[in-house]
Amino acid sequence: VIHPLAEIAPEFAIPGHGPAAELAAGVPRDALGAVSPAATVARGYAIVRDDSGAVVVTAASKEAGDALRLQLKDGELPVTVRER
């Protein structure tokens, strides 16, 4: 199942974008689904979230001992930062 980016990571939602805007712009939804975070995860990458659920985008934002969750194709894994 491929979920819209705004559903997986609401902090990345952009006003004026989404299914209605995509259709209005003539962009096929299938084409956008191919580059969605869920499709990326299905290809073997992970989405890293902190304990509040926010997406982690930089290593510098975390310290040793911080709890994280890795979203993988078949589920999530809890992890702890060991060193930085």
N, C-alpha and C. Protein backbone atom coordinates (compact mmCIF):
# COMPACT_ATOMS: atom_id res chain seq x y z
N VAL A 1 0.85 -1.17 0.00
CA VAL A 1 0.00 0.00 0.00
C VAL A 1 0.90 1.23 0.00
N ILE A 2 0.63 2.15 -0.90
CA ILE A 2 1.39 3.39 -0.97
C ILE A 2 0.52 4.50 -0.40
N HIS A 3 1.06 5.19 0.63
CA HIS A 3 0.34 6.25 1.30
C HIS A 3 0.86 7.61 0.83
N PRO A 4 0.00 8.60 0.76
CA PRO A 4 0.47 9.94 0.40
C PRO A 4 1.48 10.45 1.43
N LEU A 5 2.42 11.25 0.98
CA LEU A 5 3.45 11.81 1.86
C LEU A 5 2.83 12.50 3.07
N ALA A 6 1.77 13.26 2.86
CA ALA A 6 1.14 13.99 3.97
C ALA A 6 0.58 13.03 5.02
N GLU A 7 0.24 11.81 4.62
CA GLU A 7 -0.28 10.83 5.57
C GLU A 7 0.86 10.20 6.38
N ILE A 8 1.99 9.97 5.74
CA ILE A 8 3.12 9.34 6.41
C ILE A 8 3.89 10.36 7.25
N ALA A 9 4.08 11.54 6.70
CA ALA A 9 4.84 12.59 7.39
C ALA A 9 4.13 13.92 7.20
N PRO A 10 3.12 14.21 8.04
CA PRO A 10 2.32 15.43 7.86
C PRO A 10 3.14 16.71 7.81
N GLU A 11 4.32 16.70 8.42
CA GLU A 11 5.13 17.92 8.42
C GLU A 11 5.63 18.28 7.02
N PHE A 12 5.52 17.34 6.06
CA PHE A 12 5.92 17.61 4.69
C PHE A 12 4.75 17.98 3.79
N ALA A 13 3.55 18.08 4.34
CA ALA A 13 2.38 18.45 3.53
C ALA A 13 2.55 19.88 3.04
N ILE A 14 2.20 20.11 1.80
CA ILE A 14 2.33 21.44 1.21
C ILE A 14 0.95 21.92 0.79
N PRO A 15 0.50 23.08 1.30
CA PRO A 15 -0.81 23.58 0.90
C PRO A 15 -0.90 23.72 -0.62
N GLY A 16 -2.06 23.36 -1.16
CA GLY A 16 -2.26 23.44 -2.61
C GLY A 16 -1.74 22.24 -3.36
N HIS A 17 -1.24 21.25 -2.62
CA HIS A 17 -0.75 20.02 -3.23
C HIS A 17 -1.56 18.86 -2.68
N GLY A 18 -1.56 17.78 -3.36
CA GLY A 18 -2.31 16.61 -2.94
C GLY A 18 -3.10 16.08 -4.12
N PRO A 19 -3.94 15.08 -3.88
CA PRO A 19 -4.65 14.43 -4.98
C PRO A 19 -5.41 15.39 -5.89
N ALA A 20 -6.14 16.35 -5.34
CA ALA A 20 -6.92 17.27 -6.17
C ALA A 20 -5.99 18.15 -7.00
N ALA A 21 -4.94 18.68 -6.38
CA ALA A 21 -4.01 19.54 -7.10
C ALA A 21 -3.24 18.74 -8.16
N GLU A 22 -2.90 17.49 -7.85
CA GLU A 22 -2.20 16.63 -8.80
C GLU A 22 -3.06 16.40 -10.04
N LEU A 23 -4.32 16.08 -9.83
CA LEU A 23 -5.21 15.83 -10.95
C LEU A 23 -5.42 17.11 -11.76
N ALA A 24 -5.54 18.22 -11.07
CA ALA A 24 -5.73 19.49 -11.76
C ALA A 24 -4.50 19.84 -12.60
N ALA A 25 -3.32 19.45 -12.14
CA ALA A 25 -2.09 19.75 -12.86
C ALA A 25 -1.83 18.74 -13.97
N GLY A 26 -2.64 17.69 -14.05
CA GLY A 26 -2.47 16.68 -15.09
C GLY A 26 -1.36 15.69 -14.82
N VAL A 27 -0.93 15.58 -13.56
CA VAL A 27 0.11 14.63 -13.20
C VAL A 27 -0.55 13.33 -12.77
N PRO A 28 -0.23 12.23 -13.41
CA PRO A 28 -0.84 10.96 -13.03
C PRO A 28 -0.48 10.59 -11.60
N ARG A 29 -1.45 10.15 -10.84
CA ARG A 29 -1.21 9.76 -9.45
C ARG A 29 -0.22 8.61 -9.35
N ASP A 30 -0.24 7.69 -10.33
CA ASP A 30 0.69 6.57 -10.30
C ASP A 30 2.14 7.05 -10.37
N ALA A 31 2.39 8.08 -11.16
CA ALA A 31 3.74 8.62 -11.29
C ALA A 31 4.21 9.20 -9.96
N LEU A 32 3.32 9.88 -9.27
CA LEU A 32 3.69 10.45 -7.97
C LEU A 32 3.86 9.36 -6.92
N GLY A 33 3.03 8.33 -7.00
CA GLY A 33 3.15 7.22 -6.05
C GLY A 33 4.49 6.52 -6.14
N ALA A 34 5.08 6.49 -7.32
CA ALA A 34 6.37 5.83 -7.50
C ALA A 34 7.49 6.51 -6.73
N VAL A 35 7.33 7.78 -6.41
CA VAL A 35 8.37 8.49 -5.66
C VAL A 35 7.93 8.81 -4.24
N SER A 36 6.86 8.20 -3.79
CA SER A 36 6.37 8.44 -2.44
C SER A 36 7.31 7.82 -1.40
N PRO A 37 7.27 8.30 -0.16
CA PRO A 37 8.09 7.69 0.90
C PRO A 37 7.81 6.19 1.06
N ALA A 38 6.55 5.79 0.93
CA ALA A 38 6.23 4.37 1.07
C ALA A 38 6.89 3.54 -0.03
N ALA A 39 6.92 4.08 -1.25
CA ALA A 39 7.57 3.36 -2.35
C ALA A 39 9.07 3.29 -2.12
N THR A 40 9.63 4.35 -1.57
CA THR A 40 11.06 4.37 -1.25
C THR A 40 11.37 3.32 -0.20
N VAL A 41 10.54 3.21 0.83
CA VAL A 41 10.72 2.20 1.87
C VAL A 41 10.62 0.81 1.25
N ALA A 42 9.68 0.62 0.35
CA ALA A 42 9.50 -0.68 -0.30
C ALA A 42 10.74 -1.08 -1.11
N ARG A 43 11.53 -0.09 -1.55
CA ARG A 43 12.76 -0.39 -2.30
C ARG A 43 13.95 -0.67 -1.38
N GLY A 44 13.76 -0.62 -0.08
CA GLY A 44 14.83 -0.99 0.84
C GLY A 44 15.38 0.13 1.69
N TYR A 45 14.83 1.31 1.58
CA TYR A 45 15.26 2.43 2.42
C TYR A 45 14.40 2.48 3.68
N ALA A 46 14.75 3.33 4.62
CA ALA A 46 14.00 3.46 5.86
C ALA A 46 13.66 4.92 6.11
N ILE A 47 12.58 5.13 6.85
CA ILE A 47 12.24 6.46 7.36
C ILE A 47 12.55 6.42 8.84
N VAL A 48 13.33 7.39 9.31
CA VAL A 48 13.76 7.45 10.70
C VAL A 48 12.93 8.51 11.42
N ARG A 49 12.34 8.12 12.55
CA ARG A 49 11.54 9.04 13.36
C ARG A 49 12.08 9.07 14.79
N ASP A 50 11.89 10.21 15.45
CA ASP A 50 12.28 10.29 16.86
C ASP A 50 11.12 9.81 17.72
N ASP A 51 11.30 9.88 19.04
CA ASP A 51 10.28 9.34 19.94
C ASP A 51 8.97 10.12 19.91
N SER A 52 8.97 11.32 19.32
CA SER A 52 7.71 12.08 19.18
C SER A 52 7.04 11.79 17.85
N GLY A 53 7.71 11.02 16.98
CA GLY A 53 7.15 10.69 15.68
C GLY A 53 7.61 11.59 14.55
N ALA A 54 8.41 12.61 14.87
CA ALA A 54 8.92 13.53 13.84
C ALA A 54 10.00 12.83 13.02
N VAL A 55 10.03 13.11 11.71
CA VAL A 55 11.04 12.54 10.83
C VAL A 55 12.39 13.17 11.16
N VAL A 56 13.41 12.32 11.30
CA VAL A 56 14.78 12.78 11.57
C VAL A 56 15.46 12.97 10.22
N VAL A 57 15.95 14.19 9.96
CA VAL A 57 16.57 14.47 8.67
C VAL A 57 18.07 14.73 8.77
N THR A 58 18.59 14.92 9.98
CA THR A 58 20.03 15.12 10.14
C THR A 58 20.55 14.33 11.33
N ALA A 59 21.76 13.79 11.18
CA ALA A 59 22.40 13.09 12.29
C ALA A 59 22.73 14.07 13.41
N ALA A 60 23.03 15.30 13.05
CA ALA A 60 23.42 16.31 14.04
C ALA A 60 22.30 16.64 15.02
N SER A 61 21.06 16.30 14.65
CA SER A 61 19.93 16.62 15.53
C SER A 61 19.73 15.60 16.65
N LYS A 62 20.53 14.55 16.65
CA LYS A 62 20.38 13.48 17.65
C LYS A 62 21.66 13.30 18.43
N GLU A 63 21.50 12.80 19.65
CA GLU A 63 22.62 12.56 20.55
C GLU A 63 22.65 11.10 20.97
N ALA A 64 23.78 10.65 21.50
CA ALA A 64 23.88 9.30 22.02
C ALA A 64 22.80 9.09 23.08
N GLY A 65 22.12 7.97 23.00
CA GLY A 65 21.05 7.64 23.94
C GLY A 65 19.66 7.97 23.45
N ASP A 66 19.55 8.77 22.37
CA ASP A 66 18.23 9.11 21.83
C ASP A 66 17.55 7.87 21.26
N ALA A 67 16.26 7.74 21.52
CA ALA A 67 15.46 6.64 20.98
C ALA A 67 14.90 7.04 19.62
N LEU A 68 14.98 6.13 18.67
CA LEU A 68 14.45 6.35 17.33
C LEU A 68 13.64 5.15 16.89
N ARG A 69 12.84 5.31 15.83
CA ARG A 69 12.11 4.20 15.22
C ARG A 69 12.42 4.21 13.74
N LEU A 70 12.76 3.04 13.21
CA LEU A 70 13.01 2.89 11.78
C LEU A 70 11.78 2.29 11.14
N GLN A 71 11.21 2.97 10.17
CA GLN A 71 10.07 2.45 9.42
C GLN A 71 10.62 1.72 8.21
N LEU A 72 10.40 0.41 8.16
CA LEU A 72 10.88 -0.43 7.08
C LEU A 72 9.70 -1.01 6.30
N LYS A 73 9.99 -1.70 5.23
CA LYS A 73 8.96 -2.27 4.37
C LYS A 73 7.95 -3.12 5.14
N ASP A 74 8.45 -3.92 6.07
CA ASP A 74 7.58 -4.87 6.76
C ASP A 74 7.30 -4.53 8.22
N GLY A 75 7.59 -3.31 8.63
CA GLY A 75 7.29 -2.92 10.01
C GLY A 75 8.29 -1.89 10.53
N GLU A 76 8.28 -1.73 11.85
CA GLU A 76 9.17 -0.76 12.50
C GLU A 76 10.11 -1.44 13.45
N LEU A 77 11.27 -0.81 13.65
CA LEU A 77 12.24 -1.28 14.62
C LEU A 77 12.60 -0.15 15.56
N PRO A 78 12.57 -0.41 16.87
CA PRO A 78 13.06 0.61 17.80
C PRO A 78 14.59 0.52 17.87
N VAL A 79 15.25 1.66 17.85
CA VAL A 79 16.71 1.70 17.95
C VAL A 79 17.13 2.81 18.90
N THR A 80 18.35 2.73 19.36
CA THR A 80 18.92 3.76 20.23
C THR A 80 20.24 4.21 19.62
N VAL A 81 20.46 5.52 19.58
CA VAL A 81 21.72 6.06 19.07
C VAL A 81 22.81 5.70 20.06
N ARG A 82 23.85 5.02 19.58
CA ARG A 82 24.93 4.59 20.46
C ARG A 82 26.04 5.62 20.58
N GLU A 83 26.34 6.28 19.48
CA GLU A 83 27.38 7.31 19.51
C GLU A 83 27.14 8.28 18.38
N ARG A 84 27.74 9.42 18.50
CA ARG A 84 27.63 10.42 17.44
C ARG A 84 28.88 11.26 17.43
